[in-house]
Amino acid sequence: MLSKLPISNKYENEILMLSPVSVVIKKQRQGVGKFILQEGIKLASERGYKGMIVEGDFRYYRRFGFRTSTEFGIYAEEA
């Protein structure tokens, strides 16, 4: 699922939030998740979105071009 993600009440039409992709166990490793992600990224790009944020396993998502927030100097705030 892709949702608009307004950051600081800005960029509402530029950034999307990707909910972590989930595929039922018996269908995993068959390209289902890969297809879903590639289509979502393609459609978002065609609609003019400039970025996408996901919270998930970086080892999986990096193969689709996602990078960690720390590469941009963004870190979680300490509680």
C-alpha atoms as a PDB file:
ATOM      1  CA  MET A   1       0.000   0.000   0.000  1.00  0.00           C
ATOM      2  CA  LEU A   2       1.268   3.455  -0.912  1.00  0.00           C
ATOM      3  CA  SER A   3      -0.008   6.485   0.992  1.00  0.00           C
ATOM      4  CA  LYS A   4       0.667  10.207   0.677  1.00  0.00           C
ATOM      5  CA  LEU A   5       3.070  11.329   3.368  1.00  0.00           C
ATOM      6  CA  PRO A   6       3.044  15.028   4.125  1.00  0.00           C
ATOM      7  CA  ILE A   7       6.269  15.899   5.905  1.00  0.00           C
ATOM      8  CA  SER A   8       6.009  19.009   8.073  1.00  0.00           C
ATOM      9  CA  ASN A   9       2.785  19.847   6.190  1.00  0.00           C
ATOM     10  CA  LYS A  10       4.803  20.009   2.973  1.00  0.00           C
ATOM     11  CA  TYR A  11       5.530  17.744   0.055  1.00  0.00           C
ATOM     12  CA  GLU A  12       2.109  16.044   0.234  1.00  0.00           C
ATOM     13  CA  ASN A  13       2.163  15.408  -3.494  1.00  0.00           C
ATOM     14  CA  GLU A  14       5.847  14.470  -3.663  1.00  0.00           C
ATOM     15  CA  ILE A  15       6.517  11.746  -1.092  1.00  0.00           C
ATOM     16  CA  LEU A  16       4.810   8.380  -0.554  1.00  0.00           C
ATOM     17  CA  MET A  17       4.935   5.994   2.376  1.00  0.00           C
ATOM     18  CA  LEU A  18       5.234   2.342   1.391  1.00  0.00           C
ATOM     19  CA  SER A  19       3.735  -0.113   3.838  1.00  0.00           C
ATOM     20  CA  PRO A  20       6.024  -3.122   4.235  1.00  0.00           C
ATOM     21  CA  VAL A  21       5.339  -5.715   1.540  1.00  0.00           C
ATOM     22  CA  SER A  22       4.007  -9.036   2.751  1.00  0.00           C
ATOM     23  CA  VAL A  23       3.487 -12.219   0.750  1.00  0.00           C
ATOM     24  CA  VAL A  24       1.858 -15.386   2.094  1.00  0.00           C
ATOM     25  CA  ILE A  25       4.521 -17.989   2.878  1.00  0.00           C
ATOM     26  CA  LYS A  26       3.531 -20.503   0.193  1.00  0.00           C
ATOM     27  CA  LYS A  27       3.879 -17.772  -2.486  1.00  0.00           C
ATOM     28  CA  GLN A  28       7.218 -16.364  -1.300  1.00  0.00           C
ATOM     29  CA  ARG A  29      10.327 -16.648  -3.469  1.00  0.00           C
ATOM     30  CA  GLN A  30       8.208 -16.642  -6.627  1.00  0.00           C
ATOM     31  CA  GLY A  31       8.663 -12.982  -7.560  1.00  0.00           C
ATOM     32  CA  VAL A  32       5.342 -11.760  -6.144  1.00  0.00           C
ATOM     33  CA  GLY A  33       6.850  -9.184  -3.776  1.00  0.00           C
ATOM     34  CA  LYS A  34       9.326  -8.058  -6.414  1.00  0.00           C
ATOM     35  CA  PHE A  35       6.507  -7.522  -8.928  1.00  0.00           C
ATOM     36  CA  ILE A  36       4.393  -5.573  -6.420  1.00  0.00           C
ATOM     37  CA  LEU A  37       7.302  -3.296  -5.515  1.00  0.00           C
ATOM     38  CA  GLN A  38       8.453  -2.687  -9.061  1.00  0.00           C
ATOM     39  CA  GLU A  39       4.918  -1.828 -10.213  1.00  0.00           C
ATOM     40  CA  GLY A  40       4.340   0.469  -7.238  1.00  0.00           C
ATOM     41  CA  ILE A  41       7.611   2.305  -7.832  1.00  0.00           C
ATOM     42  CA  LYS A  42       6.857   2.620 -11.559  1.00  0.00           C
ATOM     43  CA  LEU A  43       3.334   3.962 -10.982  1.00  0.00           C
ATOM     44  CA  ALA A  44       4.540   6.438  -8.355  1.00  0.00           C
ATOM     45  CA  SER A  45       7.197   7.729 -10.746  1.00  0.00           C
ATOM     46  CA  GLU A  46       4.691   8.036 -13.603  1.00  0.00           C
ATOM     47  CA  ARG A  47       2.453  10.103 -11.310  1.00  0.00           C
ATOM     48  CA  GLY A  48       5.295  12.488 -10.489  1.00  0.00           C
ATOM     49  CA  TYR A  49       6.186  11.437  -6.957  1.00  0.00           C
ATOM     50  CA  LYS A  50       9.786  12.242  -6.090  1.00  0.00           C
ATOM     51  CA  GLY A  51      10.391   9.881  -3.209  1.00  0.00           C
ATOM     52  CA  MET A  52       9.172   6.945  -1.204  1.00  0.00           C
ATOM     53  CA  ILE A  53       9.783   6.023   2.412  1.00  0.00           C
ATOM     54  CA  VAL A  54       9.505   2.518   3.863  1.00  0.00           C
ATOM     55  CA  GLU A  55      10.144   1.041   7.264  1.00  0.00           C
ATOM     56  CA  GLY A  56      11.390  -2.461   6.755  1.00  0.00           C
ATOM     57  CA  ASP A  57      14.353  -4.754   6.331  1.00  0.00           C
ATOM     58  CA  PHE A  58      16.965  -2.687   4.477  1.00  0.00           C
ATOM     59  CA  ARG A  59      18.554  -5.890   3.120  1.00  0.00           C
ATOM     60  CA  TYR A  60      15.378  -6.575   1.146  1.00  0.00           C
ATOM     61  CA  TYR A  61      14.409  -3.060   0.071  1.00  0.00           C
ATOM     62  CA  ARG A  62      17.867  -1.865  -0.968  1.00  0.00           C
ATOM     63  CA  ARG A  63      17.757  -4.129  -4.039  1.00  0.00           C
ATOM     64  CA  PHE A  64      14.899  -1.903  -5.263  1.00  0.00           C
ATOM     65  CA  GLY A  65      16.887   1.287  -4.824  1.00  0.00           C
ATOM     66  CA  PHE A  66      15.912   2.195  -1.267  1.00  0.00           C
ATOM     67  CA  ARG A  67      18.637   3.614   0.948  1.00  0.00           C
ATOM     68  CA  THR A  68      18.846   3.981   4.709  1.00  0.00           C
ATOM     69  CA  SER A  69      17.897   7.268   6.330  1.00  0.00           C
ATOM     70  CA  THR A  70      21.360   7.553   7.876  1.00  0.00           C
ATOM     71  CA  GLU A  71      22.806   7.968   4.368  1.00  0.00           C
ATOM     72  CA  PHE A  72      20.906  11.274   4.316  1.00  0.00           C
ATOM     73  CA  GLY A  73      21.872  12.290   7.855  1.00  0.00           C
ATOM     74  CA  ILE A  74      18.464  11.339   9.272  1.00  0.00           C
ATOM     75  CA  TYR A  75      18.536   9.512  12.591  1.00  0.00           C
ATOM     76  CA  ALA A  76      15.857   8.405  15.042  1.00  0.00           C
ATOM     77  CA  GLU A  77      15.501  10.724  17.998  1.00  0.00           C
ATOM     78  CA  GLU A  78      16.674   9.296  21.286  1.00  0.00           C
ATOM     79  CA  ALA A  79      13.918   9.005  23.879  1.00  0.00           C
END
